[in-house]
């Protein structure tokens, strides 16, 4: 009985050893799976080094597809990583190509008619409209003229008769000297019609003959001149003035004080850069309400004059 029990136990040990050896050999024959690399996020470049080349075909376990990670809010848009070649297609001894990300393409903006174009975005703006250049001067251009000429009084009510009660028509001729200092106020670009404004002095003297007294006077006031067609060699103009006048009549103790109105037309002939020859024809009205003669009840006198003069204009 002892022997049979020992034989059974020995057989159990042998059978157990054989089973253990068989299981150990089966586990050693199974291949070990290769580690699965973790996929890189879509906003990063895959920097996983390729596997070294093998002599024979290698068995690669299929990788499980992992869900694509989502970029956090506020990050730049994700760029898909380039696909790397499998290790079996890389030649032995060659350097694997470095994956490069494709540059982002920006679509060209399409200009709309109701939206302003922006040069910073590569859009072209229409050319600006042409403009007329202006002549900028450090000081206002000034002008000066001096003219001398003949004057005639077609209507004259001054007390010129040497004989009291003499009612003969009083028409006299004389000389007239005019001048002006002006400042230009328009036409600085040389294209528009220029204009000047300034101060005018004038002096006149009328000769007495045939029993009439001579008289003299002076006037002063504001003078305005407008020129026409400034680029022509011969420039036409019209002018007007308003001021005061004083008159002295020979053998009359009173002095006449009143106002002066002046209207003129003429032309300027260009001689040099700042010199022009000027001709003027003017009409003037003198009113002397303060002139009184002793022994006469008449209060206030006036006269009209026609003037033809020539001189020089210094300025533009």
C-alpha atoms as a PDB file:
ATOM      1  CA  UNK A   1       0.000   0.000   0.000  1.00  0.00           C
ATOM      2  CA  UNK A   2       2.886   2.319   0.826  1.00  0.00           C
ATOM      3  CA  UNK A   3       4.445   1.780  -2.569  1.00  0.00           C
ATOM      4  CA  UNK A   4       1.239   2.438  -4.484  1.00  0.00           C
ATOM      5  CA  UNK A   5       0.659   5.739  -2.664  1.00  0.00           C
ATOM      6  CA  UNK A   6       4.241   6.831  -3.347  1.00  0.00           C
ATOM      7  CA  UNK A   7       3.861   5.920  -7.012  1.00  0.00           C
ATOM      8  CA  UNK A   8       0.677   7.997  -7.334  1.00  0.00           C
ATOM      9  CA  UNK A   9       2.306  11.037  -5.727  1.00  0.00           C
ATOM     10  CA  UNK A  10       5.329  10.747  -7.937  1.00  0.00           C
ATOM     11  CA  UNK A  11       3.171  10.582 -11.017  1.00  0.00           C
ATOM     12  CA  UNK A  12       1.353  13.719  -9.866  1.00  0.00           C
ATOM     13  CA  UNK A  13       4.669  15.557  -9.485  1.00  0.00           C
ATOM     14  CA  UNK A  14       5.816  14.481 -12.929  1.00  0.00           C
ATOM     15  CA  UNK A  15       2.531  15.497 -14.570  1.00  0.00           C
ATOM     16  CA  UNK A  16       2.578  18.887 -12.774  1.00  0.00           C
ATOM     17  CA  UNK A  17       6.159  19.551 -13.842  1.00  0.00           C
ATOM     18  CA  UNK A  18       5.349  18.720 -17.430  1.00  0.00           C
ATOM     19  CA  UNK A  19       2.297  21.082 -17.406  1.00  0.00           C
ATOM     20  CA  UNK A  20       4.367  23.902 -15.916  1.00  0.00           C
ATOM     21  CA  UNK A  21       7.059  23.481 -18.548  1.00  0.00           C
ATOM     22  CA  UNK A  22       4.454  23.456 -21.319  1.00  0.00           C
ATOM     23  CA  UNK A  23       2.865  26.710 -20.088  1.00  0.00           C
ATOM     24  CA  UNK A  24       6.258  28.394 -19.721  1.00  0.00           C
ATOM     25  CA  UNK A  25       7.269  27.497 -23.258  1.00  0.00           C
ATOM     26  CA  UNK A  26       3.964  28.749 -24.684  1.00  0.00           C
ATOM     27  CA  UNK A  27       4.326  32.126 -22.966  1.00  0.00           C
ATOM     28  CA  UNK A  28       7.936  32.513 -24.222  1.00  0.00           C
ATOM     29  CA  UNK A  29       6.872  31.764 -27.830  1.00  0.00           C
ATOM     30  CA  UNK A  30       4.303  34.624 -27.893  1.00  0.00           C
ATOM     31  CA  UNK A  31       5.761  37.958 -29.318  1.00  0.00           C
ATOM     32  CA  UNK A  32       5.832  41.064 -27.083  1.00  0.00           C
ATOM     33  CA  UNK A  33       3.656  43.917 -28.552  1.00  0.00           C
ATOM     34  CA  UNK A  34       5.513  47.132 -29.428  1.00  0.00           C
ATOM     35  CA  UNK A  35       4.643  50.239 -27.402  1.00  0.00           C
ATOM     36  CA  UNK A  36       2.037  52.463 -29.044  1.00  0.00           C
ATOM     37  CA  UNK A  37       3.290  56.072 -29.322  1.00  0.00           C
ATOM     38  CA  UNK A  38       0.899  58.680 -28.008  1.00  0.00           C
ATOM     39  CA  UNK A  39      -0.451  60.867 -30.836  1.00  0.00           C
ATOM     40  CA  UNK A  40       0.705  64.491 -30.853  1.00  0.00           C
ATOM     41  CA  UNK A  41      -1.975  67.195 -30.615  1.00  0.00           C
ATOM     42  CA  UNK A  42      -3.108  68.728 -33.882  1.00  0.00           C
ATOM     43  CA  UNK A  43      -1.626  72.150 -33.007  1.00  0.00           C
ATOM     44  CA  UNK A  44       1.880  70.684 -32.470  1.00  0.00           C
ATOM     45  CA  UNK A  45       4.392  69.076 -34.839  1.00  0.00           C
ATOM     46  CA  UNK A  46       4.921  65.313 -34.354  1.00  0.00           C
ATOM     47  CA  UNK A  47       8.499  65.016 -33.012  1.00  0.00           C
ATOM     48  CA  UNK A  48       8.420  61.202 -32.418  1.00  0.00           C
ATOM     49  CA  UNK A  49      11.673  59.715 -33.859  1.00  0.00           C
ATOM     50  CA  UNK A  50      11.188  56.977 -36.435  1.00  0.00           C
ATOM     51  CA  UNK A  51      11.935  53.345 -35.522  1.00  0.00           C
ATOM     52  CA  UNK A  52      15.357  51.966 -36.606  1.00  0.00           C
ATOM     53  CA  UNK A  53      15.400  49.896 -39.798  1.00  0.00           C
ATOM     54  CA  UNK A  54      15.169  46.124 -39.433  1.00  0.00           C
ATOM     55  CA  UNK A  55      16.631  43.384 -41.598  1.00  0.00           C
ATOM     56  CA  UNK A  56      13.365  41.668 -42.217  1.00  0.00           C
ATOM     57  CA  UNK A  57       9.723  42.566 -42.276  1.00  0.00           C
ATOM     58  CA  UNK A  58       8.527  43.594 -38.876  1.00  0.00           C
ATOM     59  CA  UNK A  59       5.119  42.967 -37.534  1.00  0.00           C
ATOM     60  CA  UNK A  60       3.605  46.171 -36.221  1.00  0.00           C
ATOM     61  CA  UNK A  61       0.563  45.971 -34.072  1.00  0.00           C
ATOM     62  CA  UNK A  62      -2.280  48.138 -35.299  1.00  0.00           C
ATOM     63  CA  UNK A  63      -2.441  51.366 -33.338  1.00  0.00           C
ATOM     64  CA  UNK A  64      -5.642  52.346 -31.746  1.00  0.00           C
ATOM     65  CA  UNK A  65      -7.167  55.552 -33.064  1.00  0.00           C
ATOM     66  CA  UNK A  66      -7.310  58.070 -30.257  1.00  0.00           C
ATOM     67  CA  UNK A  67      -9.788  60.935 -30.289  1.00  0.00           C
ATOM     68  CA  UNK A  68      -8.322  64.229 -31.513  1.00  0.00           C
ATOM     69  CA  UNK A  69      -7.666  66.606 -28.610  1.00  0.00           C
ATOM     70  CA  UNK A  70      -9.472  69.945 -28.614  1.00  0.00           C
ATOM     71  CA  UNK A  71      -7.364  73.119 -28.447  1.00  0.00           C
ATOM     72  CA  UNK A  72      -8.044  75.373 -25.443  1.00  0.00           C
ATOM     73  CA  UNK A  73      -9.968  78.608 -26.032  1.00  0.00           C
ATOM     74  CA  UNK A  74      -7.808  81.566 -27.121  1.00  0.00           C
ATOM     75  CA  UNK A  75      -5.161  79.402 -28.860  1.00  0.00           C
ATOM     76  CA  UNK A  76      -4.365  79.852 -32.594  1.00  0.00           C
ATOM     77  CA  UNK A  77      -6.243  77.602 -35.029  1.00  0.00           C
ATOM     78  CA  UNK A  78      -4.955  74.038 -35.190  1.00  0.00           C
ATOM     79  CA  UNK A  79      -2.806  72.901 -38.112  1.00  0.00           C
ATOM     80  CA  UNK A  80      -2.882  69.179 -38.960  1.00  0.00           C
ATOM     81  CA  UNK A  81       0.503  67.481 -38.429  1.00  0.00           C
ATOM     82  CA  UNK A  82       2.169  66.081 -41.548  1.00  0.00           C
ATOM     83  CA  UNK A  83       2.038  62.348 -42.108  1.00  0.00           C
ATOM     84  CA  UNK A  84       5.368  60.616 -41.396  1.00  0.00           C
ATOM     85  CA  UNK A  85       6.593  57.703 -43.498  1.00  0.00           C
ATOM     86  CA  UNK A  86       6.432  54.258 -41.931  1.00  0.00           C
ATOM     87  CA  UNK A  87       9.782  52.880 -40.760  1.00  0.00           C
ATOM     88  CA  UNK A  88       9.712  50.164 -43.422  1.00  0.00           C
ATOM     89  CA  UNK A  89       9.821  52.759 -46.255  1.00  0.00           C
ATOM     90  CA  UNK A  90      12.835  54.701 -44.897  1.00  0.00           C
ATOM     91  CA  UNK A  91      16.004  53.574 -46.661  1.00  0.00           C
ATOM     92  CA  UNK A  92      18.904  52.359 -44.551  1.00  0.00           C
ATOM     93  CA  UNK A  93      21.459  55.122 -43.750  1.00  0.00           C
ATOM     94  CA  UNK A  94      19.252  58.009 -45.047  1.00  0.00           C
ATOM     95  CA  UNK A  95      18.098  60.957 -42.940  1.00  0.00           C
ATOM     96  CA  UNK A  96      14.330  61.091 -42.587  1.00  0.00           C
ATOM     97  CA  UNK A  97      12.764  64.309 -43.935  1.00  0.00           C
ATOM     98  CA  UNK A  98      11.860  66.944 -41.382  1.00  0.00           C
ATOM     99  CA  UNK A  99       8.142  67.607 -41.420  1.00  0.00           C
ATOM    100  CA  UNK A 100       7.343  71.260 -42.126  1.00  0.00           C
ATOM    101  CA  UNK A 101       4.020  72.930 -41.614  1.00  0.00           C
ATOM    102  CA  UNK A 102       2.451  74.562 -44.675  1.00  0.00           C
ATOM    103  CA  UNK A 103       2.243  78.388 -44.388  1.00  0.00           C
ATOM    104  CA  UNK A 104      -1.292  79.631 -43.845  1.00  0.00           C
ATOM    105  CA  UNK A 105      -2.893  81.253 -46.858  1.00  0.00           C
ATOM    106  CA  UNK A 106      -4.828  84.458 -46.407  1.00  0.00           C
ATOM    107  CA  UNK A 107      -7.595  85.065 -48.929  1.00  0.00           C
ATOM    108  CA  UNK A 108      -7.359  88.367 -50.769  1.00  0.00           C
ATOM    109  CA  UNK A 109      -9.999  90.870 -49.624  1.00  0.00           C
ATOM    110  CA  UNK A 110     -12.613  91.769 -52.146  1.00  0.00           C
ATOM    111  CA  UNK A 111     -13.275  95.531 -52.182  1.00  0.00           C
ATOM    112  CA  UNK A 112     -16.878  96.519 -51.862  1.00  0.00           C
ATOM    113  CA  UNK A 113     -18.254  99.772 -53.290  1.00  0.00           C
ATOM    114  CA  UNK A 114     -19.722 100.861 -49.926  1.00  0.00           C
ATOM    115  CA  UNK A 115     -16.546 100.157 -47.905  1.00  0.00           C
ATOM    116  CA  UNK A 116     -13.439 102.373 -47.793  1.00  0.00           C
ATOM    117  CA  UNK A 117     -10.269 100.786 -49.170  1.00  0.00           C
ATOM    118  CA  UNK A 118      -7.342 100.266 -46.800  1.00  0.00           C
ATOM    119  CA  UNK A 119      -3.765 100.561 -48.208  1.00  0.00           C
ATOM    120  CA  UNK A 120      -2.396  98.543 -45.254  1.00  0.00           C
ATOM    121  CA  UNK A 121      -4.329  95.499 -46.473  1.00  0.00           C
ATOM    122  CA  UNK A 122      -2.860  95.712 -49.966  1.00  0.00           C
ATOM    123  CA  UNK A 123      -5.842  97.502 -51.454  1.00  0.00           C
ATOM    124  CA  UNK A 124      -5.297 100.248 -54.020  1.00  0.00           C
ATOM    125  CA  UNK A 125      -6.862 103.659 -53.474  1.00  0.00           C
ATOM    126  CA  UNK A 126      -7.981 105.880 -56.356  1.00  0.00           C
ATOM    127  CA  UNK A 127      -5.601 108.758 -57.163  1.00  0.00           C
ATOM    128  CA  UNK A 128      -6.443 112.060 -55.450  1.00  0.00           C
ATOM    129  CA  UNK A 129      -8.113 114.746 -57.554  1.00  0.00           C
ATOM    130  CA  UNK A 130      -5.749 117.318 -59.060  1.00  0.00           C
ATOM    131  CA  UNK A 131      -5.444 120.535 -57.106  1.00  0.00           C
ATOM    132  CA  UNK A 132      -4.192 123.972 -58.005  1.00  0.00           C
ATOM    133  CA  UNK A 133      -1.015 124.884 -56.108  1.00  0.00           C
ATOM    134  CA  UNK A 134      -1.116 127.982 -53.970  1.00  0.00           C
ATOM    135  CA  UNK A 135       1.602 130.601 -53.802  1.00  0.00           C
ATOM    136  CA  UNK A 136       2.523 130.915 -50.126  1.00  0.00           C
ATOM    137  CA  UNK A 137       4.158 134.207 -49.230  1.00  0.00           C
ATOM    138  CA  UNK A 138       5.696 135.297 -45.941  1.00  0.00           C
ATOM    139  CA  UNK A 139       4.109 138.763 -46.320  1.00  0.00           C
ATOM    140  CA  UNK A 140       1.109 140.161 -48.157  1.00  0.00           C
ATOM    141  CA  UNK A 141       2.255 141.495 -51.557  1.00  0.00           C
ATOM    142  CA  UNK A 142       2.133 145.264 -51.774  1.00  0.00           C
ATOM    143  CA  UNK A 143       1.776 147.604 -54.741  1.00  0.00           C
ATOM    144  CA  UNK A 144       2.292 151.291 -55.367  1.00  0.00           C
ATOM    145  CA  UNK A 145       1.251 153.485 -58.273  1.00  0.00           C
ATOM    146  CA  UNK A 146       1.695 157.117 -59.219  1.00  0.00           C
ATOM    147  CA  UNK A 147      -0.175 158.843 -62.073  1.00  0.00           C
ATOM    148  CA  UNK A 148      -0.319 162.392 -63.474  1.00  0.00           C
ATOM    149  CA  UNK A 149      -2.880 163.719 -65.924  1.00  0.00           C
ATOM    150  CA  UNK A 150      -5.413 166.181 -67.160  1.00  0.00           C
ATOM    151  CA  UNK A 151      -8.702 166.998 -65.412  1.00  0.00           C
ATOM    152  CA  UNK A 152     -11.838 168.831 -66.526  1.00  0.00           C
ATOM    153  CA  UNK A 153     -14.964 170.022 -64.658  1.00  0.00           C
ATOM    154  CA  UNK A 154     -18.093 169.745 -66.861  1.00  0.00           C
ATOM    155  CA  UNK A 155     -20.329 170.873 -63.968  1.00  0.00           C
ATOM    156  CA  UNK A 156     -19.084 173.236 -61.281  1.00  0.00           C
ATOM    157  CA  UNK A 157     -21.065 175.266 -58.715  1.00  0.00           C
ATOM    158  CA  UNK A 158     -18.137 176.641 -56.722  1.00  0.00           C
ATOM    159  CA  UNK A 159     -18.039 180.423 -56.050  1.00  0.00           C
ATOM    160  CA  UNK A 160     -15.356 181.137 -58.632  1.00  0.00           C
ATOM    161  CA  UNK A 161     -16.715 184.356 -60.229  1.00  0.00           C
ATOM    162  CA  UNK A 162     -14.700 187.445 -59.385  1.00  0.00           C
ATOM    163  CA  UNK A 163     -17.757 189.644 -59.935  1.00  0.00           C
ATOM    164  CA  UNK A 164     -20.591 189.087 -57.435  1.00  0.00           C
ATOM    165  CA  UNK A 165     -23.749 187.814 -59.113  1.00  0.00           C
ATOM    166  CA  UNK A 166     -21.931 186.522 -62.205  1.00  0.00           C
ATOM    167  CA  UNK A 167     -23.877 183.385 -63.275  1.00  0.00           C
ATOM    168  CA  UNK A 168     -21.796 182.382 -66.280  1.00  0.00           C
ATOM    169  CA  UNK A 169     -21.087 178.666 -66.642  1.00  0.00           C
ATOM    170  CA  UNK A 170     -17.977 177.735 -64.771  1.00  0.00           C
ATOM    171  CA  UNK A 171     -15.967 175.088 -66.557  1.00  0.00           C
ATOM    172  CA  UNK A 172     -12.294 174.819 -65.845  1.00  0.00           C
ATOM    173  CA  UNK A 173      -9.369 172.563 -66.669  1.00  0.00           C
ATOM    174  CA  UNK A 174      -6.387 171.638 -64.570  1.00  0.00           C
ATOM    175  CA  UNK A 175      -3.918 168.971 -63.547  1.00  0.00           C
ATOM    176  CA  UNK A 176      -4.385 166.020 -61.214  1.00  0.00           C
ATOM    177  CA  UNK A 177      -1.823 163.851 -59.389  1.00  0.00           C
ATOM    178  CA  UNK A 178      -2.884 160.520 -57.882  1.00  0.00           C
ATOM    179  CA  UNK A 179      -1.146 157.819 -55.921  1.00  0.00           C
ATOM    180  CA  UNK A 180      -1.983 154.786 -53.802  1.00  0.00           C
ATOM    181  CA  UNK A 181      -0.389 152.284 -51.467  1.00  0.00           C
ATOM    182  CA  UNK A 182      -2.177 148.935 -51.809  1.00  0.00           C
ATOM    183  CA  UNK A 183      -2.084 145.436 -50.359  1.00  0.00           C
ATOM    184  CA  UNK A 184      -3.116 142.421 -52.409  1.00  0.00           C
ATOM    185  CA  UNK A 185      -6.083 140.505 -50.981  1.00  0.00           C
ATOM    186  CA  UNK A 186      -6.937 138.082 -53.821  1.00  0.00           C
ATOM    187  CA  UNK A 187      -5.339 136.202 -56.721  1.00  0.00           C
ATOM    188  CA  UNK A 188      -2.169 134.934 -55.026  1.00  0.00           C
ATOM    189  CA  UNK A 189      -2.001 131.853 -57.315  1.00  0.00           C
ATOM    190  CA  UNK A 190      -1.542 133.968 -60.445  1.00  0.00           C
ATOM    191  CA  UNK A 191      -4.667 132.450 -62.027  1.00  0.00           C
ATOM    192  CA  UNK A 192      -7.585 134.097 -60.232  1.00  0.00           C
ATOM    193  CA  UNK A 193      -8.322 137.738 -60.892  1.00  0.00           C
ATOM    194  CA  UNK A 194      -6.277 139.718 -58.322  1.00  0.00           C
ATOM    195  CA  UNK A 195      -7.593 142.511 -56.134  1.00  0.00           C
ATOM    196  CA  UNK A 196      -5.937 145.190 -53.999  1.00  0.00           C
ATOM    197  CA  UNK A 197      -7.115 147.550 -51.275  1.00  0.00           C
ATOM    198  CA  UNK A 198      -5.328 150.458 -49.674  1.00  0.00           C
ATOM    199  CA  UNK A 199      -5.006 154.202 -49.107  1.00  0.00           C
ATOM    200  CA  UNK A 200      -5.264 156.803 -51.893  1.00  0.00           C
ATOM    201  CA  UNK A 201      -4.064 160.417 -51.797  1.00  0.00           C
ATOM    202  CA  UNK A 202      -4.789 162.851 -54.637  1.00  0.00           C
ATOM    203  CA  UNK A 203      -3.980 166.505 -55.412  1.00  0.00           C
ATOM    204  CA  UNK A 204      -5.638 168.727 -58.037  1.00  0.00           C
ATOM    205  CA  UNK A 205      -5.363 172.294 -59.231  1.00  0.00           C
ATOM    206  CA  UNK A 206      -7.722 174.151 -61.626  1.00  0.00           C
ATOM    207  CA  UNK A 207      -6.675 177.283 -63.528  1.00  0.00           C
ATOM    208  CA  UNK A 208      -8.885 180.366 -63.446  1.00  0.00           C
ATOM    209  CA  UNK A 209      -9.371 182.573 -66.488  1.00  0.00           C
ATOM    210  CA  UNK A 210     -11.977 184.950 -67.935  1.00  0.00           C
ATOM    211  CA  UNK A 211     -12.881 186.528 -64.621  1.00  0.00           C
ATOM    212  CA  UNK A 212     -12.915 183.268 -62.617  1.00  0.00           C
ATOM    213  CA  UNK A 213     -10.778 182.342 -59.640  1.00  0.00           C
ATOM    214  CA  UNK A 214      -8.613 179.284 -59.586  1.00  0.00           C
ATOM    215  CA  UNK A 215      -8.826 176.717 -56.825  1.00  0.00           C
ATOM    216  CA  UNK A 216      -6.965 173.698 -55.509  1.00  0.00           C
ATOM    217  CA  UNK A 217      -7.795 170.740 -53.346  1.00  0.00           C
ATOM    218  CA  UNK A 218      -6.754 167.390 -52.005  1.00  0.00           C
ATOM    219  CA  UNK A 219      -8.514 164.086 -51.435  1.00  0.00           C
ATOM    220  CA  UNK A 220      -7.791 160.937 -49.434  1.00  0.00           C
ATOM    221  CA  UNK A 221      -9.611 157.740 -48.597  1.00  0.00           C
ATOM    222  CA  UNK A 222      -9.934 154.031 -49.355  1.00  0.00           C
ATOM    223  CA  UNK A 223      -9.142 152.720 -52.832  1.00  0.00           C
ATOM    224  CA  UNK A 224      -9.973 149.272 -54.262  1.00  0.00           C
ATOM    225  CA  UNK A 225      -8.702 147.865 -57.567  1.00  0.00           C
ATOM    226  CA  UNK A 226      -9.750 144.686 -59.431  1.00  0.00           C
ATOM    227  CA  UNK A 227      -7.646 143.366 -62.320  1.00  0.00           C
ATOM    228  CA  UNK A 228      -8.930 141.232 -65.212  1.00  0.00           C
ATOM    229  CA  UNK A 229      -7.002 138.556 -67.144  1.00  0.00           C
ATOM    230  CA  UNK A 230      -3.821 138.708 -65.024  1.00  0.00           C
ATOM    231  CA  UNK A 231      -1.661 136.523 -67.316  1.00  0.00           C
ATOM    232  CA  UNK A 232      -2.007 138.785 -70.339  1.00  0.00           C
ATOM    233  CA  UNK A 233       0.563 141.408 -71.217  1.00  0.00           C
ATOM    234  CA  UNK A 234      -2.196 144.046 -71.261  1.00  0.00           C
ATOM    235  CA  UNK A 235      -4.335 143.758 -68.115  1.00  0.00           C
ATOM    236  CA  UNK A 236      -7.636 145.588 -67.803  1.00  0.00           C
ATOM    237  CA  UNK A 237      -8.930 146.800 -64.460  1.00  0.00           C
ATOM    238  CA  UNK A 238     -11.698 148.739 -62.765  1.00  0.00           C
ATOM    239  CA  UNK A 239     -11.406 150.611 -59.468  1.00  0.00           C
ATOM    240  CA  UNK A 240     -13.424 152.661 -57.025  1.00  0.00           C
ATOM    241  CA  UNK A 241     -12.720 154.787 -53.985  1.00  0.00           C
ATOM    242  CA  UNK A 242     -14.461 156.664 -51.229  1.00  0.00           C
ATOM    243  CA  UNK A 243     -12.979 159.335 -49.008  1.00  0.00           C
ATOM    244  CA  UNK A 244     -12.877 162.971 -47.999  1.00  0.00           C
ATOM    245  CA  UNK A 245     -11.761 166.154 -49.746  1.00  0.00           C
ATOM    246  CA  UNK A 246     -10.790 169.711 -48.896  1.00  0.00           C
ATOM    247  CA  UNK A 247     -10.957 172.653 -51.320  1.00  0.00           C
ATOM    248  CA  UNK A 248      -9.482 176.177 -51.193  1.00  0.00           C
ATOM    249  CA  UNK A 249     -10.838 178.846 -53.557  1.00  0.00           C
ATOM    250  CA  UNK A 250      -8.819 181.998 -54.197  1.00  0.00           C
ATOM    251  CA  UNK A 251     -10.281 185.142 -52.635  1.00  0.00           C
ATOM    252  CA  UNK A 252     -12.719 183.057 -50.560  1.00  0.00           C
ATOM    253  CA  UNK A 253     -11.948 182.919 -46.880  1.00  0.00           C
ATOM    254  CA  UNK A 254     -13.970 179.783 -46.197  1.00  0.00           C
ATOM    255  CA  UNK A 255     -12.588 176.324 -46.793  1.00  0.00           C
ATOM    256  CA  UNK A 256     -14.744 173.594 -48.268  1.00  0.00           C
ATOM    257  CA  UNK A 257     -14.798 170.178 -46.573  1.00  0.00           C
ATOM    258  CA  UNK A 258     -16.794 167.261 -47.909  1.00  0.00           C
ATOM    259  CA  UNK A 259     -16.642 163.787 -49.356  1.00  0.00           C
ATOM    260  CA  UNK A 260     -15.212 162.294 -52.542  1.00  0.00           C
ATOM    261  CA  UNK A 261     -16.536 159.470 -54.711  1.00  0.00           C
ATOM    262  CA  UNK A 262     -14.300 157.974 -57.383  1.00  0.00           C
ATOM    263  CA  UNK A 263     -14.948 155.461 -60.216  1.00  0.00           C
ATOM    264  CA  UNK A 264     -12.200 154.409 -62.652  1.00  0.00           C
ATOM    265  CA  UNK A 265     -11.363 152.015 -65.482  1.00  0.00           C
ATOM    266  CA  UNK A 266      -8.050 151.459 -67.211  1.00  0.00           C
ATOM    267  CA  UNK A 267      -5.333 149.061 -68.253  1.00  0.00           C
ATOM    268  CA  UNK A 268      -1.849 148.009 -67.184  1.00  0.00           C
ATOM    269  CA  UNK A 269       0.878 147.184 -69.721  1.00  0.00           C
ATOM    270  CA  UNK A 270       3.546 144.828 -68.370  1.00  0.00           C
ATOM    271  CA  UNK A 271       7.082 146.193 -68.821  1.00  0.00           C
ATOM    272  CA  UNK A 272       9.185 144.279 -66.298  1.00  0.00           C
ATOM    273  CA  UNK A 273       8.706 141.751 -63.493  1.00  0.00           C
ATOM    274  CA  UNK A 274       7.538 144.355 -60.966  1.00  0.00           C
ATOM    275  CA  UNK A 275       6.939 147.350 -63.240  1.00  0.00           C
ATOM    276  CA  UNK A 276       3.904 148.178 -65.370  1.00  0.00           C
ATOM    277  CA  UNK A 277       2.722 151.187 -67.324  1.00  0.00           C
ATOM    278  CA  UNK A 278      -0.799 152.151 -66.269  1.00  0.00           C
ATOM    279  CA  UNK A 279      -3.518 154.291 -67.919  1.00  0.00           C
ATOM    280  CA  UNK A 280      -6.680 155.403 -66.118  1.00  0.00           C
ATOM    281  CA  UNK A 281      -9.883 157.236 -66.926  1.00  0.00           C
ATOM    282  CA  UNK A 282     -11.944 158.260 -63.892  1.00  0.00           C
ATOM    283  CA  UNK A 283     -15.055 160.127 -62.892  1.00  0.00           C
ATOM    284  CA  UNK A 284     -15.190 161.939 -59.530  1.00  0.00           C
ATOM    285  CA  UNK A 285     -17.839 163.714 -57.583  1.00  0.00           C
ATOM    286  CA  UNK A 286     -16.959 166.284 -54.887  1.00  0.00           C
ATOM    287  CA  UNK A 287     -19.599 167.457 -52.435  1.00  0.00           C
ATOM    288  CA  UNK A 288     -18.732 170.383 -50.104  1.00  0.00           C
ATOM    289  CA  UNK A 289     -21.674 171.052 -47.751  1.00  0.00           C
ATOM    290  CA  UNK A 290     -19.576 173.127 -45.303  1.00  0.00           C
ATOM    291  CA  UNK A 291     -18.358 175.720 -47.831  1.00  0.00           C
ATOM    292  CA  UNK A 292     -19.941 179.145 -47.201  1.00  0.00           C
ATOM    293  CA  UNK A 293     -19.323 182.531 -48.773  1.00  0.00           C
ATOM    294  CA  UNK A 294     -19.722 185.798 -46.857  1.00  0.00           C
ATOM    295  CA  UNK A 295     -22.760 187.812 -47.979  1.00  0.00           C
ATOM    296  CA  UNK A 296     -24.391 184.802 -49.702  1.00  0.00           C
ATOM    297  CA  UNK A 297     -27.245 182.667 -48.456  1.00  0.00           C
ATOM    298  CA  UNK A 298     -26.143 179.673 -50.497  1.00  0.00           C
ATOM    299  CA  UNK A 299     -24.780 176.901 -48.283  1.00  0.00           C
ATOM    300  CA  UNK A 300     -23.046 173.957 -49.872  1.00  0.00           C
ATOM    301  CA  UNK A 301     -21.349 173.561 -53.224  1.00  0.00           C
ATOM    302  CA  UNK A 302     -20.251 170.671 -55.429  1.00  0.00           C
ATOM    303  CA  UNK A 303     -18.526 169.931 -58.716  1.00  0.00           C
ATOM    304  CA  UNK A 304     -17.846 166.955 -61.010  1.00  0.00           C
ATOM    305  CA  UNK A 305     -14.618 166.104 -62.800  1.00  0.00           C
ATOM    306  CA  UNK A 306     -13.337 163.857 -65.587  1.00  0.00           C
ATOM    307  CA  UNK A 307      -9.706 162.728 -65.412  1.00  0.00           C
ATOM    308  CA  UNK A 308      -7.346 161.101 -67.904  1.00  0.00           C
ATOM    309  CA  UNK A 309      -4.024 160.034 -66.404  1.00  0.00           C
ATOM    310  CA  UNK A 310      -0.939 157.874 -67.010  1.00  0.00           C
ATOM    311  CA  UNK A 311       1.810 156.627 -64.754  1.00  0.00           C
ATOM    312  CA  UNK A 312       3.611 153.594 -63.345  1.00  0.00           C
ATOM    313  CA  UNK A 313       2.461 150.627 -61.296  1.00  0.00           C
ATOM    314  CA  UNK A 314       5.036 148.995 -59.026  1.00  0.00           C
ATOM    315  CA  UNK A 315       3.959 145.506 -58.068  1.00  0.00           C
ATOM    316  CA  UNK A 316       2.439 142.353 -59.511  1.00  0.00           C
END
